[in-house]
Amino acid sequence: LRFVNDYPTPLLVNAYLDGDKKEAVIEFYGTA
């Protein structure tokens, strides 16, 4: 898997486990 950040600024990648759902979650944060 490869991808390109074409947003105007760097992205923060937040990965965590949702303990209630027992699921892994990936979130991307940056400038909209």
ModelCIF file with pLDDT and N, C-alpha, C, O atoms, coordinates in Angstrom:
data_MODEL
#
_entry.id   MODEL 
#
_entity.id                         1 
_entity.type                       polymer 
_entity.pdbx_number_of_molecules   1 
#
_entity_poly.entity_id                      1 
_entity_poly.type                           'polypeptide(L)' 
_entity_poly.nstd_linkage                   no 
_entity_poly.nstd_monomer                   no 
_entity_poly.pdbx_seq_one_letter_code       LRFVNDYPTPLLVNAYLDGDKKEAVIEFYGTA 
_entity_poly.pdbx_seq_one_letter_code_can   LRFVNDYPTPLLVNAYLDGDKKEAVIEFYGTA 
_entity_poly.pdbx_strand_id                 A 
#
loop_
_entity_poly_seq.entity_id 
_entity_poly_seq.num 
_entity_poly_seq.mon_id 
_entity_poly_seq.hetero 
1 1  LEU n 
1 2  ARG n 
1 3  PHE n 
1 4  VAL n 
1 5  ASN n 
1 6  ASP n 
1 7  TYR n 
1 8  PRO n 
1 9  THR n 
1 10 PRO n 
1 11 LEU n 
1 12 LEU n 
1 13 VAL n 
1 14 ASN n 
1 15 ALA n 
1 16 TYR n 
1 17 LEU n 
1 18 ASP n 
1 19 GLY n 
1 20 ASP n 
1 21 LYS n 
1 22 LYS n 
1 23 GLU n 
1 24 ALA n 
1 25 VAL n 
1 26 ILE n 
1 27 GLU n 
1 28 PHE n 
1 29 TYR n 
1 30 GLY n 
1 31 THR n 
1 32 ALA n 
#
_struct_asym.id          A 
_struct_asym.entity_id   1 
#
loop_
_ma_qa_metric.id 
_ma_qa_metric.mode 
_ma_qa_metric.name 
_ma_qa_metric.software_group_id 
_ma_qa_metric.type 
1 global pLDDT . pLDDT 
2 local  pLDDT . pLDDT 
#
_ma_qa_metric_global.metric_id      1 
_ma_qa_metric_global.metric_value   93.69 
_ma_qa_metric_global.model_id       1 
_ma_qa_metric_global.ordinal_id     1 
#
loop_
_ma_qa_metric_local.label_asym_id 
_ma_qa_metric_local.label_comp_id 
_ma_qa_metric_local.label_seq_id 
_ma_qa_metric_local.metric_id 
_ma_qa_metric_local.metric_value 
_ma_qa_metric_local.model_id 
_ma_qa_metric_local.ordinal_id 
A LEU 1  2 89.00 1 1  
A ARG 2  2 92.00 1 2  
A PHE 3  2 95.00 1 3  
A VAL 4  2 96.00 1 4  
A ASN 5  2 97.00 1 5  
A ASP 6  2 95.00 1 6  
A TYR 7  2 95.00 1 7  
A PRO 8  2 94.00 1 8  
A THR 9  2 95.00 1 9  
A PRO 10 2 97.00 1 10 
A LEU 11 2 97.00 1 11 
A LEU 12 2 97.00 1 12 
A VAL 13 2 96.00 1 13 
A ASN 14 2 96.00 1 14 
A ALA 15 2 94.00 1 15 
A TYR 16 2 94.00 1 16 
A LEU 17 2 92.00 1 17 
A ASP 18 2 93.00 1 18 
A GLY 19 2 92.00 1 19 
A ASP 20 2 95.00 1 20 
A LYS 21 2 90.00 1 21 
A LYS 22 2 87.00 1 22 
A GLU 23 2 87.00 1 23 
A ALA 24 2 88.00 1 24 
A VAL 25 2 92.00 1 25 
A ILE 26 2 93.00 1 26 
A GLU 27 2 95.00 1 27 
A PHE 28 2 96.00 1 28 
A TYR 29 2 96.00 1 29 
A GLY 30 2 94.00 1 30 
A THR 31 2 95.00 1 31 
A ALA 32 2 94.00 1 32 
#
loop_
_atom_site.group_PDB 
_atom_site.id 
_atom_site.type_symbol 
_atom_site.label_atom_id 
_atom_site.label_alt_id 
_atom_site.label_comp_id 
_atom_site.label_asym_id 
_atom_site.label_entity_id 
_atom_site.label_seq_id 
_atom_site.pdbx_PDB_ins_code 
_atom_site.Cartn_x 
_atom_site.Cartn_y 
_atom_site.Cartn_z 
_atom_site.occupancy 
_atom_site.B_iso_or_equiv 
_atom_site.pdbx_formal_charge 
_atom_site.auth_seq_id 
_atom_site.auth_comp_id 
_atom_site.auth_asym_id 
_atom_site.auth_atom_id 
_atom_site.pdbx_PDB_model_num 
ATOM 1   N N  . LEU A 1 1  ? 0.836   -1.195 0.000  1.00 89.00 ? 1  LEU A N  1 
ATOM 2   C CA . LEU A 1 1  ? 0.000   0.000  0.000  1.00 89.00 ? 1  LEU A CA 1 
ATOM 3   C C  . LEU A 1 1  ? 0.876   1.251  0.000  1.00 89.00 ? 1  LEU A C  1 
ATOM 4   O O  . LEU A 1 1  ? 1.773   1.392  0.831  1.00 89.00 ? 1  LEU A O  1 
ATOM 5   N N  . ARG A 1 2  ? 0.607   2.154  -0.936 1.00 92.00 ? 2  ARG A N  1 
ATOM 6   C CA . ARG A 1 2  ? 1.296   3.442  -0.996 1.00 92.00 ? 2  ARG A CA 1 
ATOM 7   C C  . ARG A 1 2  ? 0.267   4.511  -1.342 1.00 92.00 ? 2  ARG A C  1 
ATOM 8   O O  . ARG A 1 2  ? -0.651  4.280  -2.129 1.00 92.00 ? 2  ARG A O  1 
ATOM 9   N N  . PHE A 1 3  ? 0.439   5.688  -0.737 1.00 95.00 ? 3  PHE A N  1 
ATOM 10  C CA . PHE A 1 3  ? -0.461  6.800  -1.025 1.00 95.00 ? 3  PHE A CA 1 
ATOM 11  C C  . PHE A 1 3  ? 0.319   8.098  -0.940 1.00 95.00 ? 3  PHE A C  1 
ATOM 12  O O  . PHE A 1 3  ? 1.431   8.141  -0.412 1.00 95.00 ? 3  PHE A O  1 
ATOM 13  N N  . VAL A 1 4  ? -0.286  9.167  -1.473 1.00 96.00 ? 4  VAL A N  1 
ATOM 14  C CA . VAL A 1 4  ? 0.346   10.484 -1.532 1.00 96.00 ? 4  VAL A CA 1 
ATOM 15  C C  . VAL A 1 4  ? -0.475  11.474 -0.730 1.00 96.00 ? 4  VAL A C  1 
ATOM 16  O O  . VAL A 1 4  ? -1.699  11.515 -0.851 1.00 96.00 ? 4  VAL A O  1 
ATOM 17  N N  . ASN A 1 5  ? 0.192   12.270 0.087  1.00 97.00 ? 5  ASN A N  1 
ATOM 18  C CA . ASN A 1 5  ? -0.480  13.361 0.787  1.00 97.00 ? 5  ASN A CA 1 
ATOM 19  C C  . ASN A 1 5  ? -0.549  14.552 -0.159 1.00 97.00 ? 5  ASN A C  1 
ATOM 20  O O  . ASN A 1 5  ? 0.462   15.215 -0.391 1.00 97.00 ? 5  ASN A O  1 
ATOM 21  N N  . ASP A 1 6  ? -1.718  14.829 -0.702 1.00 95.00 ? 6  ASP A N  1 
ATOM 22  C CA . ASP A 1 6  ? -1.890  15.991 -1.574 1.00 95.00 ? 6  ASP A CA 1 
ATOM 23  C C  . ASP A 1 6  ? -2.649  17.116 -0.865 1.00 95.00 ? 6  ASP A C  1 
ATOM 24  O O  . ASP A 1 6  ? -3.171  18.027 -1.508 1.00 95.00 ? 6  ASP A O  1 
ATOM 25  N N  . TYR A 1 7  ? -2.703  17.039 0.460  1.00 95.00 ? 7  TYR A N  1 
ATOM 26  C CA . TYR A 1 7  ? -3.245  18.151 1.244  1.00 95.00 ? 7  TYR A CA 1 
ATOM 27  C C  . TYR A 1 7  ? -2.195  19.268 1.284  1.00 95.00 ? 7  TYR A C  1 
ATOM 28  O O  . TYR A 1 7  ? -1.021  19.006 1.023  1.00 95.00 ? 7  TYR A O  1 
ATOM 29  N N  . PRO A 1 8  ? -2.588  20.498 1.604  1.00 94.00 ? 8  PRO A N  1 
ATOM 30  C CA . PRO A 1 8  ? -1.645  21.625 1.570  1.00 94.00 ? 8  PRO A CA 1 
ATOM 31  C C  . PRO A 1 8  ? -0.589  21.595 2.689  1.00 94.00 ? 8  PRO A C  1 
ATOM 32  O O  . PRO A 1 8  ? 0.388   22.342 2.629  1.00 94.00 ? 8  PRO A O  1 
ATOM 33  N N  . THR A 1 9  ? -0.771  20.758 3.689  1.00 95.00 ? 9  THR A N  1 
ATOM 34  C CA . THR A 1 9  ? 0.181   20.680 4.804  1.00 95.00 ? 9  THR A CA 1 
ATOM 35  C C  . THR A 1 9  ? 0.411   19.215 5.174  1.00 95.00 ? 9  THR A C  1 
ATOM 36  O O  . THR A 1 9  ? -0.311  18.338 4.701  1.00 95.00 ? 9  THR A O  1 
ATOM 37  N N  . PRO A 1 10 ? 1.411   18.943 6.016  1.00 97.00 ? 10 PRO A N  1 
ATOM 38  C CA . PRO A 1 10 ? 1.612   17.557 6.479  1.00 97.00 ? 10 PRO A CA 1 
ATOM 39  C C  . PRO A 1 10 ? 0.391   17.049 7.238  1.00 97.00 ? 10 PRO A C  1 
ATOM 40  O O  . PRO A 1 10 ? -0.416  17.824 7.751  1.00 97.00 ? 10 PRO A O  1 
ATOM 41  N N  . LEU A 1 11 ? 0.282   15.730 7.293  1.00 97.00 ? 11 LEU A N  1 
ATOM 42  C CA . LEU A 1 11 ? -0.821  15.085 7.999  1.00 97.00 ? 11 LEU A CA 1 
ATOM 43  C C  . LEU A 1 11 ? -0.307  14.422 9.271  1.00 97.00 ? 11 LEU A C  1 
ATOM 44  O O  . LEU A 1 11 ? 0.824   13.940 9.325  1.00 97.00 ? 11 LEU A O  1 
ATOM 45  N N  . LEU A 1 12 ? -1.147  14.408 10.278 1.00 97.00 ? 12 LEU A N  1 
ATOM 46  C CA . LEU A 1 12 ? -0.901  13.642 11.487 1.00 97.00 ? 12 LEU A CA 1 
ATOM 47  C C  . LEU A 1 12 ? -1.750  12.384 11.365 1.00 97.00 ? 12 LEU A C  1 
ATOM 48  O O  . LEU A 1 12 ? -2.950  12.461 11.102 1.00 97.00 ? 12 LEU A O  1 
ATOM 49  N N  . VAL A 1 13 ? -1.127  11.231 11.555 1.00 96.00 ? 13 VAL A N  1 
ATOM 50  C CA . VAL A 1 13 ? -1.849  9.965  11.507 1.00 96.00 ? 13 VAL A CA 1 
ATOM 51  C C  . VAL A 1 13 ? -2.013  9.484  12.942 1.00 96.00 ? 13 VAL A C  1 
ATOM 52  O O  . VAL A 1 13 ? -1.031  9.266  13.652 1.00 96.00 ? 13 VAL A O  1 
ATOM 53  N N  . ASN A 1 14 ? -3.259  9.322  13.357 1.00 96.00 ? 14 ASN A N  1 
ATOM 54  C CA . ASN A 1 14 ? -3.567  8.868  14.704 1.00 96.00 ? 14 ASN A CA 1 
ATOM 55  C C  . ASN A 1 14 ? -4.159  7.461  14.609 1.00 96.00 ? 14 ASN A C  1 
ATOM 56  O O  . ASN A 1 14 ? -5.205  7.255  13.994 1.00 96.00 ? 14 ASN A O  1 
ATOM 57  N N  . ALA A 1 15 ? -3.479  6.506  15.222 1.00 94.00 ? 15 ALA A N  1 
ATOM 58  C CA . ALA A 1 15 ? -3.958  5.120  15.231 1.00 94.00 ? 15 ALA A CA 1 
ATOM 59  C C  . ALA A 1 15 ? -4.221  4.713  16.675 1.00 94.00 ? 15 ALA A C  1 
ATOM 60  O O  . ALA A 1 15 ? -3.394  4.936  17.558 1.00 94.00 ? 15 ALA A O  1 
ATOM 61  N N  . TYR A 1 16 ? -5.378  4.118  16.896 1.00 94.00 ? 16 TYR A N  1 
ATOM 62  C CA . TYR A 1 16 ? -5.693  3.684  18.254 1.00 94.00 ? 16 TYR A CA 1 
ATOM 63  C C  . TYR A 1 16 ? -6.682  2.532  18.217 1.00 94.00 ? 16 TYR A C  1 
ATOM 64  O O  . TYR A 1 16 ? -7.273  2.233  17.180 1.00 94.00 ? 16 TYR A O  1 
ATOM 65  N N  . LEU A 1 17 ? -6.851  1.893  19.361 1.00 92.00 ? 17 LEU A N  1 
ATOM 66  C CA . LEU A 1 17 ? -7.814  0.827  19.514 1.00 92.00 ? 17 LEU A CA 1 
ATOM 67  C C  . LEU A 1 17 ? -9.041  1.357  20.230 1.00 92.00 ? 17 LEU A C  1 
ATOM 68  O O  . LEU A 1 17 ? -8.931  1.915  21.322 1.00 92.00 ? 17 LEU A O  1 
ATOM 69  N N  . ASP A 1 18 ? -10.198 1.190  19.629 1.00 93.00 ? 18 ASP A N  1 
ATOM 70  C CA . ASP A 1 18 ? -11.456 1.516  20.280 1.00 93.00 ? 18 ASP A CA 1 
ATOM 71  C C  . ASP A 1 18 ? -11.816 0.299  21.125 1.00 93.00 ? 18 ASP A C  1 
ATOM 72  O O  . ASP A 1 18 ? -12.306 -0.704 20.608 1.00 93.00 ? 18 ASP A O  1 
ATOM 73  N N  . GLY A 1 19 ? -11.569 0.396  22.425 1.00 92.00 ? 19 GLY A N  1 
ATOM 74  C CA . GLY A 1 19 ? -11.770 -0.731 23.320 1.00 92.00 ? 19 GLY A CA 1 
ATOM 75  C C  . GLY A 1 19 ? -13.204 -1.196 23.419 1.00 92.00 ? 19 GLY A C  1 
ATOM 76  O O  . GLY A 1 19 ? -13.452 -2.391 23.580 1.00 92.00 ? 19 GLY A O  1 
ATOM 77  N N  . ASP A 1 20 ? -14.156 -0.283 23.327 1.00 95.00 ? 20 ASP A N  1 
ATOM 78  C CA . ASP A 1 20 ? -15.566 -0.664 23.415 1.00 95.00 ? 20 ASP A CA 1 
ATOM 79  C C  . ASP A 1 20 ? -15.987 -1.512 22.213 1.00 95.00 ? 20 ASP A C  1 
ATOM 80  O O  . ASP A 1 20 ? -16.668 -2.526 22.365 1.00 95.00 ? 20 ASP A O  1 
ATOM 81  N N  . LYS A 1 21 ? -15.575 -1.082 21.021 1.00 90.00 ? 21 LYS A N  1 
ATOM 82  C CA . LYS A 1 21 ? -15.936 -1.809 19.807 1.00 90.00 ? 21 LYS A CA 1 
ATOM 83  C C  . LYS A 1 21 ? -14.930 -2.917 19.468 1.00 90.00 ? 21 LYS A C  1 
ATOM 84  O O  . LYS A 1 21 ? -15.205 -3.780 18.635 1.00 90.00 ? 21 LYS A O  1 
ATOM 85  N N  . LYS A 1 22 ? -13.765 -2.883 20.123 1.00 87.00 ? 22 LYS A N  1 
ATOM 86  C CA . LYS A 1 22 ? -12.673 -3.820 19.837 1.00 87.00 ? 22 LYS A CA 1 
ATOM 87  C C  . LYS A 1 22 ? -12.254 -3.715 18.372 1.00 87.00 ? 22 LYS A C  1 
ATOM 88  O O  . LYS A 1 22 ? -12.122 -4.712 17.663 1.00 87.00 ? 22 LYS A O  1 
ATOM 89  N N  . GLU A 1 23 ? -12.052 -2.469 17.950 1.00 87.00 ? 23 GLU A N  1 
ATOM 90  C CA . GLU A 1 23 ? -11.662 -2.192 16.573 1.00 87.00 ? 23 GLU A CA 1 
ATOM 91  C C  . GLU A 1 23 ? -10.478 -1.237 16.545 1.00 87.00 ? 23 GLU A C  1 
ATOM 92  O O  . GLU A 1 23 ? -10.340 -0.364 17.403 1.00 87.00 ? 23 GLU A O  1 
ATOM 93  N N  . ALA A 1 24 ? -9.627  -1.422 15.539 1.00 88.00 ? 24 ALA A N  1 
ATOM 94  C CA . ALA A 1 24 ? -8.553  -0.480 15.287 1.00 88.00 ? 24 ALA A CA 1 
ATOM 95  C C  . ALA A 1 24 ? -9.119  0.695  14.491 1.00 88.00 ? 24 ALA A C  1 
ATOM 96  O O  . ALA A 1 24 ? -9.985  0.510  13.636 1.00 88.00 ? 24 ALA A O  1 
ATOM 97  N N  . VAL A 1 25 ? -8.630  1.900  14.773 1.00 92.00 ? 25 VAL A N  1 
ATOM 98  C CA . VAL A 1 25 ? -9.105  3.110  14.101 1.00 92.00 ? 25 VAL A CA 1 
ATOM 99  C C  . VAL A 1 25 ? -7.890  3.887  13.592 1.00 92.00 ? 25 VAL A C  1 
ATOM 100 O O  . VAL A 1 25 ? -6.885  4.012  14.292 1.00 92.00 ? 25 VAL A O  1 
ATOM 101 N N  . ILE A 1 26 ? -7.992  4.399  12.387 1.00 93.00 ? 26 ILE A N  1 
ATOM 102 C CA . ILE A 1 26 ? -6.973  5.274  11.805 1.00 93.00 ? 26 ILE A CA 1 
ATOM 103 C C  . ILE A 1 26 ? -7.651  6.597  11.486 1.00 93.00 ? 26 ILE A C  1 
ATOM 104 O O  . ILE A 1 26 ? -8.681  6.629  10.812 1.00 93.00 ? 26 ILE A O  1 
ATOM 105 N N  . GLU A 1 27 ? -7.067  7.696  11.977 1.00 95.00 ? 27 GLU A N  1 
ATOM 106 C CA . GLU A 1 27 ? -7.590  9.036  11.686 1.00 95.00 ? 27 GLU A CA 1 
ATOM 107 C C  . GLU A 1 27 ? -6.468  9.883  11.103 1.00 95.00 ? 27 GLU A C  1 
ATOM 108 O O  . GLU A 1 27 ? -5.312  9.776  11.515 1.00 95.00 ? 27 GLU A O  1 
ATOM 109 N N  . PHE A 1 28 ? -6.823  10.722 10.143 1.00 96.00 ? 28 PHE A N  1 
ATOM 110 C CA . PHE A 1 28 ? -5.873  11.661 9.558  1.00 96.00 ? 28 PHE A CA 1 
ATOM 111 C C  . PHE A 1 28 ? -6.294  13.063 9.952  1.00 96.00 ? 28 PHE A C  1 
ATOM 112 O O  . PHE A 1 28 ? -7.466  13.421 9.840  1.00 96.00 ? 28 PHE A O  1 
ATOM 113 N N  . TYR A 1 29 ? -5.334  13.862 10.417 1.00 96.00 ? 29 TYR A N  1 
ATOM 114 C CA . TYR A 1 29 ? -5.588  15.255 10.780 1.00 96.00 ? 29 TYR A CA 1 
ATOM 115 C C  . TYR A 1 29 ? -4.665  16.147 9.963  1.00 96.00 ? 29 TYR A C  1 
ATOM 116 O O  . TYR A 1 29 ? -3.490  15.835 9.768  1.00 96.00 ? 29 TYR A O  1 
ATOM 117 N N  . GLY A 1 30 ? -5.212  17.262 9.488  1.00 94.00 ? 30 GLY A N  1 
ATOM 118 C CA . GLY A 1 30 ? -4.428  18.225 8.725  1.00 94.00 ? 30 GLY A CA 1 
ATOM 119 C C  . GLY A 1 30 ? -5.263  19.462 8.450  1.00 94.00 ? 30 GLY A C  1 
ATOM 120 O O  . GLY A 1 30 ? -6.323  19.663 9.042  1.00 94.00 ? 30 GLY A O  1 
ATOM 121 N N  . THR A 1 31 ? -4.768  20.276 7.548  1.00 95.00 ? 31 THR A N  1 
ATOM 122 C CA . THR A 1 31 ? -5.472  21.491 7.162  1.00 95.00 ? 31 THR A CA 1 
ATOM 123 C C  . THR A 1 31 ? -6.518  21.152 6.105  1.00 95.00 ? 31 THR A C  1 
ATOM 124 O O  . THR A 1 31 ? -6.178  20.643 5.037  1.00 95.00 ? 31 THR A O  1 
ATOM 125 N N  . ALA A 1 32 ? -7.767  21.427 6.391  1.00 94.00 ? 32 ALA A N  1 
ATOM 126 C CA . ALA A 1 32 ? -8.855  21.116 5.459  1.00 94.00 ? 32 ALA A CA 1 
ATOM 127 C C  . ALA A 1 32 ? -8.726  21.949 4.187  1.00 94.00 ? 32 ALA A C  1 
ATOM 128 O O  . ALA A 1 32 ? -9.552  21.827 3.283  1.00 94.00 ? 32 ALA A O  1 
#
